[in-house]
Protein backbone atom coordinates (compact mmCIF):
# COMPACT_ATOMS: atom_id res chain seq x y z
CA MET A 1 0.04 -0.09 -0.14
CA VAL A 2 1.51 3.80 -1.03
CA LEU A 3 0.43 6.60 1.09
CA LEU A 4 0.21 9.80 -0.79
CA PHE A 5 0.05 13.43 0.92
CA ILE A 6 -1.90 15.86 -0.97
CA ASN A 7 -3.04 19.30 0.33
CA LYS A 8 -2.30 17.73 4.01
CA LYS A 9 -4.58 15.13 3.14
CA ILE A 10 -4.15 11.36 3.45
CA LEU A 11 -4.81 8.95 0.60
CA THR A 12 -4.00 5.52 0.17
CA VAL A 13 -2.95 3.91 -3.07
CA LYS A 14 -5.44 0.82 -3.49
CA SER A 15 -3.63 -0.37 -6.76
CA PHE A 16 -0.91 0.52 -9.37
CA SER A 17 0.33 -0.39 -12.21
CA THR A 18 3.96 0.12 -14.22
CA VAL A 19 4.39 1.36 -17.34
CA ASN A 20 7.71 1.61 -19.55
CA CYS A 21 8.22 5.10 -21.27
CA SER A 22 10.90 5.64 -23.79
CA ASN A 23 12.69 8.99 -23.40
CA ARG A 24 16.14 10.05 -24.85
CA SER A 25 17.82 8.52 -21.59
CA GLY A 26 16.50 5.48 -22.38
CA SER A 27 13.80 3.41 -20.33
CA LEU A 28 11.84 4.97 -17.21
CA ASN A 29 9.23 2.92 -15.06
CA ARG A 30 6.36 5.38 -14.41
CA GLN A 31 4.08 3.91 -11.60
CA ILE A 32 0.37 4.86 -12.91
CA VAL A 33 -2.30 5.17 -10.05
CA ASP A 34 -5.28 3.23 -11.02
CA ARG A 35 -7.59 3.86 -7.86
CA VAL A 36 -7.14 6.08 -5.34
CA VAL A 37 -9.75 6.58 -2.46
CA PHE A 38 -9.39 8.76 1.01
CA SER A 39 -8.35 6.69 3.79
CA LYS A 40 -11.00 5.57 6.23
CA ASN A 41 -10.63 8.21 8.94
CA CYS A 42 -10.29 11.08 5.77
CA HIS A 43 -13.55 9.55 4.29
CA LYS A 44 -15.27 9.18 7.47
CA ASN A 45 -15.75 12.82 8.12
CA HIS A 46 -15.25 14.18 4.40
CA PHE A 47 -18.43 16.47 3.55
CA ILE A 48 -19.99 15.65 6.98
CA SER A 49 -20.87 18.61 9.25
CA ASN A 50 -20.26 18.80 13.21
CA MET A 51 -22.24 16.02 14.20
CA ALA A 52 -23.49 17.66 17.17
CA ILE A 53 -27.08 19.29 17.02
CA VAL A 54 -26.62 22.95 18.14
CA THR A 55 -29.36 25.15 19.24
CA ASN A 56 -29.84 28.29 21.27
CA ASP A 57 -32.72 27.39 23.45
CA PRO A 58 -30.83 24.13 25.87
CA GLN A 59 -34.26 24.00 27.22
CA ILE A 60 -36.01 22.90 24.78
CA ALA A 61 -33.31 20.63 23.39
CA ALA A 62 -33.80 19.32 27.24
CA LEU A 63 -38.02 18.87 26.85
CA SER A 64 -37.30 16.67 23.67
CA GLU A 65 -35.58 14.07 25.36
CA ARG A 66 -38.70 13.91 27.43
CA LEU A 67 -41.08 13.85 24.29
CA ALA A 68 -41.69 10.23 23.52
CA PRO A 69 -44.09 8.26 25.52
CA SER A 70 -43.50 5.41 27.32
CA LEU A 71 -44.39 2.00 26.24
CA THR A 72 -46.57 0.03 28.56
CA GLU A 73 -48.83 -3.13 28.26
CA SER A 74 -51.94 -0.64 29.71
CA LYS A 75 -52.03 1.17 26.27
CA TYR A 76 -53.56 0.31 23.25
CA LYS A 77 -53.18 0.88 19.39
CA GLY A 78 -53.57 4.45 18.45
CA GLN A 79 -52.93 5.93 21.83
CA ALA A 80 -49.53 6.74 20.41
CA GLY A 81 -50.54 8.61 17.24
CA LYS A 82 -53.13 8.01 14.74
CA ILE A 83 -51.79 10.09 11.86
CA GLY A 84 -53.65 11.76 8.72
CA ILE A 85 -51.71 12.64 5.57
CA PHE A 86 -52.74 14.41 2.43
CA GLY A 87 -51.07 13.89 -0.84
CA GLY A 88 -49.96 11.58 -3.28
CA SER A 89 -50.83 11.69 -7.30
CA LEU A 90 -49.93 10.36 -10.80
CA GLU A 91 -46.24 12.25 -10.66
CA TYR A 92 -45.63 12.07 -7.02
CA THR A 93 -46.19 8.71 -4.85
CA GLY A 94 -42.95 8.42 -2.95
CA ALA A 95 -43.19 11.44 -0.79
CA PRO A 96 -46.40 10.69 0.76
CA TYR A 97 -45.23 7.38 1.53
CA PHE A 98 -41.89 8.62 3.35
CA ALA A 99 -43.71 10.70 5.57
CA ALA A 100 -46.26 8.11 6.51
CA ILE A 101 -43.42 5.33 6.83
CA THR A 102 -41.34 8.04 8.41
CA ALA A 103 -44.13 8.89 11.07
CA LEU A 104 -44.76 5.38 12.18
CA LYS A 105 -41.06 4.56 12.30
CA VAL A 106 -40.77 7.32 14.78
CA GLY A 107 -43.44 5.82 17.02
CA ALA A 108 -47.23 6.98 15.48
CA ASP A 109 -49.47 3.73 15.73
CA LEU A 110 -51.18 4.34 12.30
CA ALA A 111 -50.99 6.53 8.96
CA HIS A 112 -53.75 6.96 6.72
CA VAL A 113 -53.02 8.19 3.47
CA PHE A 114 -55.56 10.20 1.10
CA CYS A 115 -54.47 10.40 -2.45
CA MET A 116 -55.86 10.29 -5.88
CA LYS A 117 -57.23 7.46 -7.39
CA GLU A 118 -54.53 6.54 -9.53
CA ALA A 119 -51.72 7.14 -6.86
CA ALA A 120 -53.45 4.77 -4.30
CA THR A 121 -51.89 0.94 -5.83
CA VAL A 122 -48.82 2.47 -6.15
CA ILE A 123 -48.54 4.16 -2.53
CA LYS A 124 -50.25 0.76 -0.97
CA SER A 125 -47.03 -1.61 -2.91
CA TYR A 126 -44.73 0.61 -1.24
CA SER A 127 -45.58 -0.81 1.96
CA PRO A 128 -48.32 -3.09 3.78
CA GLU A 129 -48.16 -0.66 7.11
CA LEU A 130 -49.61 2.08 5.30
CA ILE A 131 -53.83 2.79 5.25
CA VAL A 132 -53.95 4.12 1.87
CA HIS A 133 -57.02 5.58 0.54
CA PRO A 134 -58.01 6.97 -3.09
CA LEU A 135 -60.58 9.77 -2.30
CA LEU A 136 -58.57 13.07 -2.94
CA ASP A 137 -60.78 12.66 -6.74
CA ASP A 138 -63.33 11.04 -5.57
CA PRO A 139 -66.58 12.63 -6.54
CA ASN A 140 -67.79 12.42 -3.01
CA ALA A 141 -64.39 13.05 -1.38
CA ILE A 142 -65.64 15.13 1.49
CA SER A 143 -68.45 12.83 2.70
CA LYS A 144 -66.07 10.09 2.67
CA ILE A 145 -62.67 11.98 4.27
CA GLU A 146 -64.69 13.87 6.80
CA PRO A 147 -65.76 10.92 9.32
CA TRP A 148 -62.11 10.09 8.92
CA LEU A 149 -60.59 13.42 10.45
CA GLU A 150 -62.55 12.92 13.61
CA ARG A 151 -60.27 9.97 14.50
CA PHE A 152 -57.13 11.44 13.96
CA ASN A 153 -54.93 13.33 16.10
CA ALA A 154 -52.90 15.27 13.74
CA VAL A 155 -53.08 15.90 9.93
CA LEU A 156 -50.21 16.45 7.51
CA ILE A 157 -51.25 18.29 3.96
CA GLY A 158 -49.19 18.56 1.32
CA PRO A 159 -45.84 15.67 0.36
CA GLY A 160 -47.03 14.68 -3.48
CA LEU A 161 -50.16 16.64 -3.67
CA GLY A 162 -49.95 18.11 -6.64
CA ARG A 163 -51.37 21.56 -7.90
CA GLU A 164 -54.85 20.53 -9.64
CA GLU A 165 -57.13 22.96 -9.23
CA SER A 166 -59.82 20.46 -8.30
CA THR A 167 -57.40 18.60 -5.82
CA PHE A 168 -57.28 22.78 -3.75
CA ASN A 169 -60.88 22.55 -3.94
CA VAL A 170 -60.84 19.45 -1.89
CA ILE A 171 -57.95 20.41 0.70
CA LYS A 172 -59.38 24.01 1.38
CA GLN A 173 -63.09 21.89 2.54
CA ILE A 174 -60.54 20.09 4.42
CA ILE A 175 -58.34 22.69 5.99
CA ASN A 176 -61.79 24.03 6.91
CA ILE A 177 -63.22 21.02 8.78
CA CYS A 178 -60.01 20.79 10.80
CA ARG A 179 -60.30 24.19 11.89
CA ARG A 180 -63.95 23.70 12.70
CA SER A 181 -62.77 20.60 15.19
CA GLN A 182 -59.48 22.34 16.45
CA LYS A 183 -57.44 19.56 14.58
CA PRO A 184 -53.37 20.07 14.75
CA LEU A 185 -52.15 20.89 11.44
CA VAL A 186 -48.96 20.77 9.63
CA ILE A 187 -48.52 21.94 5.93
CA ASP A 188 -45.69 21.06 3.67
CA ALA A 189 -44.97 21.26 0.28
CA ASP A 190 -47.83 22.05 -2.67
CA GLY A 191 -49.91 22.60 0.50
CA LEU A 192 -47.67 25.58 1.27
CA PHE A 193 -48.15 26.70 -2.54
CA LEU A 194 -51.80 26.66 -1.58
CA ILE A 195 -51.53 28.67 1.29
CA SER A 196 -49.23 31.47 -0.15
CA ARG A 197 -52.07 31.81 -2.69
CA GLN A 198 -55.03 32.07 0.09
CA PRO A 199 -53.29 32.51 3.33
CA GLU A 200 -56.70 32.92 4.82
CA LEU A 201 -57.57 29.36 4.95
CA ILE A 202 -55.42 29.50 8.14
CA GLN A 203 -55.60 32.90 9.19
CA ASN A 204 -57.05 32.72 13.26
CA TYR A 205 -56.63 29.20 13.29
CA PRO A 206 -57.91 27.97 16.86
CA PRO A 207 -54.93 25.89 18.77
CA PRO A 208 -53.21 24.24 18.93
CA GLY A 209 -52.76 25.70 15.50
CA VAL A 210 -50.47 25.14 12.32
CA ILE A 211 -47.00 24.27 11.76
CA LEU A 212 -45.70 25.40 8.45
CA THR A 213 -42.60 23.55 7.25
CA PRO A 214 -40.85 25.55 4.24
CA ASN A 215 -37.48 25.40 2.54
CA LEU A 216 -35.86 28.99 1.75
CA MET A 217 -37.69 28.93 -1.77
CA GLU A 218 -41.12 28.40 0.04
CA PHE A 219 -40.65 30.77 2.41
CA ALA A 220 -39.86 33.48 -0.26
CA ARG A 221 -42.94 32.16 -1.98
CA LEU A 222 -45.33 32.52 1.11
CA ASN A 223 -43.58 36.25 1.75
CA GLY A 224 -44.74 36.90 -2.23
CA VAL A 225 -41.57 37.07 -3.68
CA ASP A 226 -39.24 35.01 -5.46
CA ASN A 227 -35.80 35.19 -3.94
CA PRO A 228 -35.26 34.39 0.02
CA LYS A 229 -32.82 37.38 -0.33
CA ALA A 230 -35.78 39.74 -0.96
CA ILE A 231 -37.61 38.82 1.98
CA THR A 232 -38.09 42.08 4.19
CA ASP A 233 -40.62 41.14 6.68
CA PRO A 234 -40.18 37.59 8.02
CA ASN A 235 -42.84 38.23 10.51
CA LYS A 236 -45.63 38.94 8.64
CA PHE A 237 -46.75 35.50 9.25
CA PHE A 238 -47.97 36.09 12.71
CA GLU A 239 -50.64 38.84 11.50
CA TRP A 240 -52.47 35.44 10.36
CA GLY A 241 -52.62 34.56 14.00
CA LYS A 242 -51.06 33.67 17.14
CA THR A 243 -51.48 29.97 16.56
CA ILE A 244 -48.89 29.73 13.09
CA THR A 245 -45.32 28.30 13.77
CA LEU A 246 -43.08 28.18 11.22
CA LEU A 247 -39.45 26.21 10.56
CA VAL A 248 -37.79 26.99 7.69
CA LYS A 249 -35.48 24.55 6.76
CA GLY A 250 -31.93 25.21 5.78
CA PRO A 251 -28.52 25.54 6.65
CA GLN A 252 -29.57 26.42 9.42
CA ASP A 253 -33.10 25.55 10.58
CA GLN A 254 -35.22 28.32 11.91
CA ILE A 255 -38.24 27.24 14.40
CA MET A 256 -40.65 30.53 15.11
CA ASP A 257 -43.80 31.83 16.43
CA SER A 258 -44.96 35.40 17.52
CA GLU A 259 -43.31 35.20 20.44
CA LYS A 260 -39.96 33.23 20.26
CA LYS A 261 -37.03 31.78 17.55
CA ILE A 262 -34.69 29.43 18.02
CA THR A 263 -32.46 27.76 15.62
CA VAL A 264 -30.96 23.95 15.00
CA SER A 265 -28.02 23.60 13.41
CA GLY A 266 -25.35 21.08 12.74
CA GLY A 267 -25.45 17.49 11.47
CA GLY A 268 -26.32 16.64 8.21
CA SER A 269 -23.83 16.68 5.31
CA GLY A 270 -23.55 17.75 1.91
CA ARG A 271 -25.79 15.51 0.30
CA ARG A 272 -29.69 17.01 -0.10
CA CYS A 273 -31.57 13.61 -1.39
CA GLY A 274 -34.76 14.03 -2.40
CA GLY A 275 -37.38 13.25 0.18
CA GLN A 276 -35.54 14.67 2.89
CA GLY A 277 -38.61 17.16 3.66
CA ASP A 278 -40.83 13.98 3.98
CA LEU A 279 -39.27 12.75 6.30
CA LEU A 280 -39.45 16.01 8.78
CA ALA A 281 -42.90 16.76 8.19
CA GLY A 282 -43.51 12.58 8.85
CA SER A 283 -41.72 12.76 12.02
CA LEU A 284 -43.25 16.59 13.07
CA THR A 285 -46.72 15.43 12.67
CA THR A 286 -46.38 12.34 15.29
CA PHE A 287 -44.04 14.53 17.38
CA PHE A 288 -46.85 17.10 17.35
CA THR A 289 -48.97 14.36 18.84
CA TRP A 290 -46.90 13.62 21.16
CA THR A 291 -46.02 17.03 22.69
CA LEU A 292 -49.72 17.98 22.67
CA GLN A 293 -50.55 15.01 25.16
CA GLN A 294 -48.12 16.15 27.57
CA GLN A 295 -49.20 19.10 29.80
CA ARG A 296 -47.96 22.59 29.30
CA ASN A 297 -45.47 23.20 32.07
CA PRO A 298 -47.25 26.05 33.87
CA GLY A 299 -43.79 27.27 35.27
CA VAL A 300 -42.76 28.37 31.72
CA PRO A 301 -44.35 31.64 30.32
CA HIS A 302 -44.44 30.32 26.62
CA ASP A 303 -45.66 27.25 25.89
CA ASP A 304 -42.72 25.50 24.76
CA ARG A 305 -44.57 22.35 23.39
CA ILE A 306 -44.91 22.81 19.64
CA MET A 307 -41.55 24.48 19.34
CA THR A 308 -40.32 21.01 20.96
CA ALA A 309 -41.94 19.07 18.57
CA CYS A 310 -40.17 21.01 15.42
CA TYR A 311 -36.54 20.62 17.49
CA ALA A 312 -37.17 16.93 17.77
CA ALA A 313 -37.96 16.27 13.93
CA CYS A 314 -34.92 18.90 12.92
CA LYS A 315 -32.67 17.05 15.21
CA LEU A 316 -34.11 13.44 13.77
CA VAL A 317 -33.60 14.49 9.91
CA ARG A 318 -30.16 16.13 10.64
CA GLU A 319 -28.53 12.95 12.37
CA CYS A 320 -30.14 10.67 10.24
CA ASN A 321 -29.03 12.53 7.34
CA ALA A 322 -25.69 12.62 8.75
CA ARG A 323 -25.47 8.39 9.87
CA ALA A 324 -26.73 7.53 6.12
CA PHE A 325 -23.90 9.82 4.69
CA GLN A 326 -21.34 7.98 6.84
CA LYS A 327 -22.14 4.61 5.32
CA LYS A 328 -23.71 5.72 1.93
CA GLY A 329 -21.48 9.00 0.58
CA ARG A 330 -23.19 10.35 -2.04
CA SER A 331 -25.28 7.55 -3.29
CA MET A 332 -27.67 8.35 0.20
CA VAL A 333 -30.95 8.09 -0.80
CA ALA A 334 -34.23 8.99 1.41
CA SER A 335 -34.43 4.85 2.01
CA ASP A 336 -31.23 5.07 3.48
CA MET A 337 -32.08 7.89 6.32
CA ILE A 338 -35.26 6.12 6.81
CA ASP A 339 -32.91 3.06 7.77
CA GLU A 340 -31.25 5.44 10.47
CA ILE A 341 -34.39 6.24 12.36
CA HIS A 342 -34.37 3.41 15.20
CA GLY A 343 -30.66 4.00 15.82
CA VAL A 344 -30.97 7.72 16.20
CA PHE A 345 -34.44 7.96 18.19
CA GLU A 346 -33.19 5.17 20.49
CA ASP A 347 -29.60 7.36 21.21
CA ASN A 348 -31.39 10.55 21.25
CA PHE A 349 -35.15 10.19 22.85
CA GLU A 350 -36.11 6.56 23.88
CA LEU A 351 -33.70 5.99 26.66
CA LYS A 352 -35.09 9.31 28.45
CA ALA A 353 -38.61 8.43 27.62
CA THR A 354 -39.05 6.36 30.95
CA GLY A 355 -41.09 7.32 33.29
CA ASN A 356 -43.32 9.54 30.55
CA LYS A 357 -46.92 8.74 30.30
């Protein structure tokens, strides 16, 4: 084995060949490097951000460690969360699957996906754990969906939804039903596109409220601009009501409501695979369910429960990304991140759940 030092980084030469090259002085042996890879120590940390998840609010971080409900024999199916997910179209079948399977792997008991008829069979084929309803384009969609809404602890709208006006018309009615029943709501992806056009759909939404999960471009669109750098008033959302919480995804995640703002950084990698936002939305919907099952701490002036759910989702996804990247590198995809959920949860949430109710 040959070691090369290039820009102070150790490289190992796995193989080389010898070629005879002639010049005026005669024959010259030249070693041609066929394969060069980083040594194990260099490769392990290449492109990976600081593994430690950092927030400017240590109290939120501490609360997240006690977020998961305990697993006891006295509980029955459904008490750890029944999640409703609205999304899934012919072009986008992966997004609702990623969100739903993540919600389950984090710890929700049941995940229902409401999608277009043409997407249902495909989504069902991804996993037998999901309950799939091909109802979004049904002529009697609302009358068939409304009885299900009553059963859910929280609702996620957006993954793979598409932008058909007929679909948006159904989603508007679903949001209004959720409003009347004070249903916890998470909105992502194409659901955010709808909100950017009609913010009144969530204006003055009743408690416990709505969590919006835009990336930087979606955040700009919600602000009515095309460029995130053109945002002049990031607080305009809170004119829609005090129950709106924003989780803005980026190199540094920002979680904010009308009274408070926290940041989350660290973990992750340079690899941004499709579906990562769906993992965050699905895990957040489960964490949202759990945090509302806990009593508000009367000694804390600001109700940090929803921000705690947002922080937990950010931390989970960032660490899943980092661990999957260590194993897969550039070939990492969203499914690889899903495979890391158990280990990340075990290290950050599960061991601290003892004694929770």
